[in-house]
């Protein structure tokens, strides 16, 4: 399954500048209220917080930036 981060799922709204820490704290959560029910991946630590949604679900909530690949700090 491929996930992506959309502008409204990032605390800053700027998904182009998201960088994962080398050892990110991530968790999954079922979101029945989002897009008819999906599982998201949420960051739980680090300098940025975000939720990633399944790629097939992007662009259903309006126009904005989206990224699939997030760089890792120090790499």
C-alpha atoms as a PDB file:
ATOM      1  CA  UNK A   1       0.000   0.000   0.000  1.00  0.00           C
ATOM      2  CA  UNK A   2       1.354   3.428  -0.942  1.00  0.00           C
ATOM      3  CA  UNK A   3       0.608   6.368   1.358  1.00  0.00           C
ATOM      4  CA  UNK A   4       0.883  10.109   0.801  1.00  0.00           C
ATOM      5  CA  UNK A   5       0.714  13.286   2.857  1.00  0.00           C
ATOM      6  CA  UNK A   6      -1.597  16.076   1.711  1.00  0.00           C
ATOM      7  CA  UNK A   7      -1.294  19.741   2.705  1.00  0.00           C
ATOM      8  CA  UNK A   8      -4.195  19.571   5.156  1.00  0.00           C
ATOM      9  CA  UNK A   9      -2.740  16.541   6.947  1.00  0.00           C
ATOM     10  CA  UNK A  10       0.446  18.362   7.915  1.00  0.00           C
ATOM     11  CA  UNK A  11       0.604  20.655  10.930  1.00  0.00           C
ATOM     12  CA  UNK A  12       2.375  23.353   8.891  1.00  0.00           C
ATOM     13  CA  UNK A  13       0.472  22.765   5.652  1.00  0.00           C
ATOM     14  CA  UNK A  14       3.818  22.674   3.822  1.00  0.00           C
ATOM     15  CA  UNK A  15       4.316  19.031   2.852  1.00  0.00           C
ATOM     16  CA  UNK A  16       7.287  19.814   0.594  1.00  0.00           C
ATOM     17  CA  UNK A  17       9.454  20.570   3.655  1.00  0.00           C
ATOM     18  CA  UNK A  18       8.537  17.483   5.718  1.00  0.00           C
ATOM     19  CA  UNK A  19      11.596  15.475   6.788  1.00  0.00           C
ATOM     20  CA  UNK A  20      11.334  12.281   8.808  1.00  0.00           C
ATOM     21  CA  UNK A  21      13.708  11.767  11.719  1.00  0.00           C
ATOM     22  CA  UNK A  22      16.081   8.833  11.262  1.00  0.00           C
ATOM     23  CA  UNK A  23      13.937   6.696  13.595  1.00  0.00           C
ATOM     24  CA  UNK A  24      10.411   8.099  13.263  1.00  0.00           C
ATOM     25  CA  UNK A  25       7.654   7.423  15.780  1.00  0.00           C
ATOM     26  CA  UNK A  26       4.702   6.281  13.669  1.00  0.00           C
ATOM     27  CA  UNK A  27       1.381   4.647  14.483  1.00  0.00           C
ATOM     28  CA  UNK A  28      -1.633   3.574  12.470  1.00  0.00           C
ATOM     29  CA  UNK A  29      -5.234   4.465  13.207  1.00  0.00           C
ATOM     30  CA  UNK A  30      -8.588   3.614  11.681  1.00  0.00           C
ATOM     31  CA  UNK A  31     -10.425   6.823  10.711  1.00  0.00           C
ATOM     32  CA  UNK A  32     -14.094   6.003  10.089  1.00  0.00           C
ATOM     33  CA  UNK A  33     -14.819   9.737   9.740  1.00  0.00           C
ATOM     34  CA  UNK A  34     -12.350  10.272   6.896  1.00  0.00           C
ATOM     35  CA  UNK A  35     -13.223   9.487   3.274  1.00  0.00           C
ATOM     36  CA  UNK A  36     -15.684   6.738   4.153  1.00  0.00           C
ATOM     37  CA  UNK A  37     -13.242   4.944   6.471  1.00  0.00           C
ATOM     38  CA  UNK A  38      -9.494   4.545   5.938  1.00  0.00           C
ATOM     39  CA  UNK A  39      -6.388   3.608   7.915  1.00  0.00           C
ATOM     40  CA  UNK A  40      -3.936   6.487   8.331  1.00  0.00           C
ATOM     41  CA  UNK A  41      -0.305   6.565   9.412  1.00  0.00           C
ATOM     42  CA  UNK A  42       0.351   9.294  11.978  1.00  0.00           C
ATOM     43  CA  UNK A  43       3.648  10.697  13.177  1.00  0.00           C
ATOM     44  CA  UNK A  44       3.808  10.838  16.953  1.00  0.00           C
ATOM     45  CA  UNK A  45       7.091  12.618  17.458  1.00  0.00           C
ATOM     46  CA  UNK A  46       9.743  14.676  15.779  1.00  0.00           C
ATOM     47  CA  UNK A  47       9.671  18.268  14.615  1.00  0.00           C
ATOM     48  CA  UNK A  48       6.687  17.762  12.263  1.00  0.00           C
ATOM     49  CA  UNK A  49       3.381  16.077  12.833  1.00  0.00           C
ATOM     50  CA  UNK A  50       1.338  14.686   9.996  1.00  0.00           C
ATOM     51  CA  UNK A  51      -1.083  11.978   8.907  1.00  0.00           C
ATOM     52  CA  UNK A  52      -0.485   9.976   5.756  1.00  0.00           C
ATOM     53  CA  UNK A  53      -3.477   8.660   3.842  1.00  0.00           C
ATOM     54  CA  UNK A  54      -3.651   5.875   1.244  1.00  0.00           C
ATOM     55  CA  UNK A  55      -2.547   7.180  -2.150  1.00  0.00           C
ATOM     56  CA  UNK A  56      -5.841   6.172  -3.768  1.00  0.00           C
ATOM     57  CA  UNK A  57      -7.641   8.629  -1.445  1.00  0.00           C
ATOM     58  CA  UNK A  58      -5.715  11.808  -2.274  1.00  0.00           C
ATOM     59  CA  UNK A  59      -7.291  14.865  -3.920  1.00  0.00           C
ATOM     60  CA  UNK A  60     -10.771  14.144  -2.562  1.00  0.00           C
ATOM     61  CA  UNK A  61     -10.689  17.060  -0.119  1.00  0.00           C
ATOM     62  CA  UNK A  62      -9.661  19.946  -2.340  1.00  0.00           C
ATOM     63  CA  UNK A  63      -6.653  21.263  -4.245  1.00  0.00           C
ATOM     64  CA  UNK A  64      -3.253  21.441  -2.580  1.00  0.00           C
ATOM     65  CA  UNK A  65       0.223  19.932  -2.314  1.00  0.00           C
ATOM     66  CA  UNK A  66       0.828  16.212  -1.866  1.00  0.00           C
ATOM     67  CA  UNK A  67       3.983  14.133  -1.424  1.00  0.00           C
ATOM     68  CA  UNK A  68       4.578  10.398  -1.489  1.00  0.00           C
ATOM     69  CA  UNK A  69       8.289  10.180  -0.704  1.00  0.00           C
ATOM     70  CA  UNK A  70       9.531  11.865   2.473  1.00  0.00           C
ATOM     71  CA  UNK A  71      13.266  12.395   2.935  1.00  0.00           C
ATOM     72  CA  UNK A  72      14.938  11.102   6.096  1.00  0.00           C
ATOM     73  CA  UNK A  73      17.103  13.501   8.119  1.00  0.00           C
ATOM     74  CA  UNK A  74      20.823  12.955   7.661  1.00  0.00           C
ATOM     75  CA  UNK A  75      20.518  10.903   4.481  1.00  0.00           C
END
